[in-house]
Amino acid sequence: MKTLDQLLARESGIVHTLRGFGDVQQRLMEMGVSDGAEIEVLRFAPLGDPMEIVVRGFHLTLRKEEASLVELVT
């Protein structure tokens, strides 16, 4: 299984599970990153971090550290 931080620009996947806990997991869920949500990676900042994603029609930016907590089915 891949994690969100392993995807390249214009790749997508469906959220399988969140590995985070506490505030980090709560924040991701509030942004719409939850089981079954489709996520597409749009682009990365010039140095590779953060990354811009689209989830449930919203454009979000995540640090790779946070993105590594999202397991995907690709």
N, C-alpha and C. Protein backbone atom coordinates (compact mmCIF):
# COMPACT_ATOMS: atom_id res chain seq x y z
N MET A 1 0.83 -1.17 0.00
CA MET A 1 0.00 0.00 0.00
C MET A 1 0.88 1.24 0.00
N LYS A 2 0.48 2.26 -0.76
CA LYS A 2 1.23 3.51 -0.82
C LYS A 2 0.68 4.51 0.18
N THR A 3 1.53 5.46 0.53
CA THR A 3 1.07 6.58 1.34
C THR A 3 1.03 7.82 0.44
N LEU A 4 0.30 8.82 0.87
CA LEU A 4 0.09 10.01 0.06
C LEU A 4 1.39 10.70 -0.32
N ASP A 5 2.37 10.69 0.55
CA ASP A 5 3.64 11.37 0.25
C ASP A 5 4.44 10.66 -0.84
N GLN A 6 4.08 9.44 -1.20
CA GLN A 6 4.80 8.69 -2.23
C GLN A 6 4.27 8.94 -3.64
N LEU A 7 3.12 9.61 -3.75
CA LEU A 7 2.55 9.88 -5.06
C LEU A 7 3.30 11.01 -5.76
N LEU A 8 3.27 10.98 -7.07
CA LEU A 8 3.85 12.04 -7.88
C LEU A 8 2.74 13.00 -8.30
N ALA A 9 3.13 14.13 -8.86
CA ALA A 9 2.14 15.10 -9.34
C ALA A 9 1.22 14.44 -10.36
N ARG A 10 -0.07 14.75 -10.27
CA ARG A 10 -1.13 14.24 -11.13
C ARG A 10 -1.49 12.78 -10.89
N GLU A 11 -0.96 12.16 -9.84
CA GLU A 11 -1.39 10.81 -9.46
C GLU A 11 -2.50 10.94 -8.43
N SER A 12 -3.31 9.90 -8.33
CA SER A 12 -4.41 9.94 -7.37
C SER A 12 -4.57 8.59 -6.70
N GLY A 13 -5.37 8.59 -5.66
CA GLY A 13 -5.66 7.36 -4.93
C GLY A 13 -6.87 7.58 -4.03
N ILE A 14 -7.31 6.52 -3.42
CA ILE A 14 -8.44 6.57 -2.50
C ILE A 14 -7.94 6.26 -1.10
N VAL A 15 -8.36 7.05 -0.14
CA VAL A 15 -7.91 6.89 1.24
C VAL A 15 -8.39 5.55 1.79
N HIS A 16 -7.45 4.78 2.30
CA HIS A 16 -7.77 3.50 2.93
C HIS A 16 -7.85 3.67 4.44
N THR A 17 -6.85 4.33 5.03
CA THR A 17 -6.85 4.55 6.47
C THR A 17 -5.90 5.70 6.83
N LEU A 18 -6.11 6.26 8.00
CA LEU A 18 -5.22 7.29 8.55
C LEU A 18 -4.43 6.68 9.69
N ARG A 19 -3.11 6.82 9.63
CA ARG A 19 -2.26 6.26 10.68
C ARG A 19 -2.01 7.22 11.83
N GLY A 20 -2.33 8.48 11.65
CA GLY A 20 -2.08 9.47 12.70
C GLY A 20 -3.03 9.28 13.87
N PHE A 21 -2.81 10.06 14.90
CA PHE A 21 -3.69 10.01 16.05
C PHE A 21 -3.75 11.40 16.67
N GLY A 22 -4.73 11.61 17.51
CA GLY A 22 -4.84 12.88 18.22
C GLY A 22 -5.14 14.04 17.29
N ASP A 23 -4.45 15.16 17.53
CA ASP A 23 -4.70 16.40 16.80
C ASP A 23 -4.44 16.26 15.31
N VAL A 24 -3.41 15.53 14.92
CA VAL A 24 -3.07 15.39 13.50
C VAL A 24 -4.19 14.65 12.78
N GLN A 25 -4.64 13.55 13.32
CA GLN A 25 -5.72 12.79 12.70
C GLN A 25 -7.00 13.62 12.65
N GLN A 26 -7.31 14.32 13.70
CA GLN A 26 -8.51 15.16 13.75
C GLN A 26 -8.45 16.25 12.68
N ARG A 27 -7.29 16.87 12.52
CA ARG A 27 -7.12 17.93 11.52
C ARG A 27 -7.32 17.39 10.11
N LEU A 28 -6.73 16.23 9.82
CA LEU A 28 -6.89 15.63 8.50
C LEU A 28 -8.36 15.30 8.22
N MET A 29 -9.04 14.76 9.20
CA MET A 29 -10.45 14.41 9.02
C MET A 29 -11.31 15.65 8.82
N GLU A 30 -11.00 16.73 9.53
CA GLU A 30 -11.75 17.97 9.36
C GLU A 30 -11.56 18.57 7.98
N MET A 31 -10.42 18.30 7.36
CA MET A 31 -10.16 18.79 6.00
C MET A 31 -10.77 17.89 4.94
N GLY A 32 -11.39 16.80 5.33
CA GLY A 32 -12.05 15.91 4.38
C GLY A 32 -11.24 14.68 4.01
N VAL A 33 -10.08 14.52 4.62
CA VAL A 33 -9.24 13.34 4.34
C VAL A 33 -9.71 12.22 5.24
N SER A 34 -10.62 11.40 4.73
CA SER A 34 -11.16 10.30 5.51
C SER A 34 -11.34 9.08 4.61
N ASP A 35 -11.62 7.94 5.21
CA ASP A 35 -11.75 6.69 4.46
C ASP A 35 -12.70 6.86 3.27
N GLY A 36 -12.23 6.40 2.10
CA GLY A 36 -13.04 6.44 0.90
C GLY A 36 -12.92 7.70 0.07
N ALA A 37 -12.25 8.73 0.59
CA ALA A 37 -12.12 9.99 -0.16
C ALA A 37 -11.07 9.84 -1.26
N GLU A 38 -11.37 10.36 -2.43
CA GLU A 38 -10.40 10.35 -3.53
C GLU A 38 -9.50 11.58 -3.40
N ILE A 39 -8.20 11.36 -3.54
CA ILE A 39 -7.21 12.44 -3.42
C ILE A 39 -6.36 12.46 -4.68
N GLU A 40 -6.15 13.67 -5.20
CA GLU A 40 -5.24 13.85 -6.34
C GLU A 40 -4.15 14.83 -5.93
N VAL A 41 -2.91 14.48 -6.23
CA VAL A 41 -1.78 15.37 -5.98
C VAL A 41 -1.65 16.29 -7.18
N LEU A 42 -1.68 17.60 -6.93
CA LEU A 42 -1.56 18.56 -8.03
C LEU A 42 -0.11 18.93 -8.30
N ARG A 43 0.58 19.36 -7.26
CA ARG A 43 1.97 19.81 -7.43
C ARG A 43 2.67 19.90 -6.09
N PHE A 44 3.99 20.13 -6.18
CA PHE A 44 4.83 20.25 -5.00
C PHE A 44 5.47 21.63 -5.00
N ALA A 45 5.80 22.13 -3.83
CA ALA A 45 6.56 23.37 -3.71
C ALA A 45 7.94 23.16 -4.34
N PRO A 46 8.64 24.23 -4.70
CA PRO A 46 9.94 24.08 -5.37
C PRO A 46 10.95 23.16 -4.66
N LEU A 47 10.94 23.12 -3.36
CA LEU A 47 11.85 22.24 -2.64
C LEU A 47 11.21 20.90 -2.27
N GLY A 48 9.99 20.65 -2.78
CA GLY A 48 9.35 19.36 -2.58
C GLY A 48 8.39 19.27 -1.40
N ASP A 49 8.34 20.29 -0.58
CA ASP A 49 7.48 20.26 0.60
C ASP A 49 7.00 21.68 0.87
N PRO A 50 5.72 21.96 1.00
CA PRO A 50 4.57 21.06 1.06
C PRO A 50 4.07 20.66 -0.33
N MET A 51 2.98 19.90 -0.31
CA MET A 51 2.36 19.44 -1.55
C MET A 51 0.93 19.95 -1.60
N GLU A 52 0.44 20.22 -2.80
CA GLU A 52 -0.94 20.65 -2.98
C GLU A 52 -1.76 19.46 -3.46
N ILE A 53 -2.90 19.24 -2.81
CA ILE A 53 -3.78 18.13 -3.16
C ILE A 53 -5.20 18.64 -3.37
N VAL A 54 -6.01 17.82 -4.02
CA VAL A 54 -7.44 18.08 -4.14
C VAL A 54 -8.16 16.91 -3.49
N VAL A 55 -9.02 17.22 -2.53
CA VAL A 55 -9.83 16.20 -1.86
C VAL A 55 -11.24 16.77 -1.68
N ARG A 56 -12.22 16.01 -2.15
CA ARG A 56 -13.62 16.40 -2.06
C ARG A 56 -13.88 17.78 -2.67
N GLY A 57 -13.12 18.11 -3.74
CA GLY A 57 -13.30 19.37 -4.44
C GLY A 57 -12.57 20.56 -3.85
N PHE A 58 -11.84 20.35 -2.76
CA PHE A 58 -11.10 21.43 -2.11
C PHE A 58 -9.61 21.29 -2.35
N HIS A 59 -8.94 22.41 -2.57
CA HIS A 59 -7.49 22.43 -2.72
C HIS A 59 -6.87 22.65 -1.35
N LEU A 60 -5.98 21.75 -0.96
CA LEU A 60 -5.32 21.82 0.35
C LEU A 60 -3.82 21.67 0.18
N THR A 61 -3.07 22.15 1.14
CA THR A 61 -1.63 21.89 1.17
C THR A 61 -1.32 21.10 2.43
N LEU A 62 -0.47 20.11 2.26
CA LEU A 62 -0.03 19.26 3.37
C LEU A 62 1.47 19.15 3.34
N ARG A 63 2.06 19.05 4.51
CA ARG A 63 3.47 18.73 4.58
C ARG A 63 3.62 17.23 4.33
N LYS A 64 4.76 16.84 3.82
CA LYS A 64 4.99 15.42 3.53
C LYS A 64 4.90 14.58 4.79
N GLU A 65 5.28 15.14 5.91
CA GLU A 65 5.18 14.42 7.19
C GLU A 65 3.73 14.05 7.48
N GLU A 66 2.80 14.97 7.23
CA GLU A 66 1.38 14.68 7.42
C GLU A 66 0.87 13.72 6.36
N ALA A 67 1.31 13.92 5.12
CA ALA A 67 0.87 13.08 4.01
C ALA A 67 1.31 11.63 4.20
N SER A 68 2.40 11.41 4.89
CA SER A 68 2.89 10.04 5.11
C SER A 68 1.95 9.24 6.03
N LEU A 69 1.03 9.90 6.70
CA LEU A 69 0.11 9.23 7.59
C LEU A 69 -1.15 8.73 6.89
N VAL A 70 -1.30 9.09 5.60
CA VAL A 70 -2.50 8.73 4.83
C VAL A 70 -2.16 7.54 3.93
N GLU A 71 -2.74 6.38 4.23
CA GLU A 71 -2.53 5.20 3.38
C GLU A 71 -3.60 5.18 2.30
N LEU A 72 -3.16 4.86 1.08
CA LEU A 72 -4.03 4.91 -0.09
C LEU A 72 -4.15 3.57 -0.79
N VAL A 73 -5.26 3.41 -1.49
CA VAL A 73 -5.43 2.34 -2.47
C VAL A 73 -5.29 3.05 -3.81
N THR A 74 -4.31 2.64 -4.61
CA THR A 74 -4.10 3.33 -5.88
C THR A 74 -4.61 2.53 -7.05
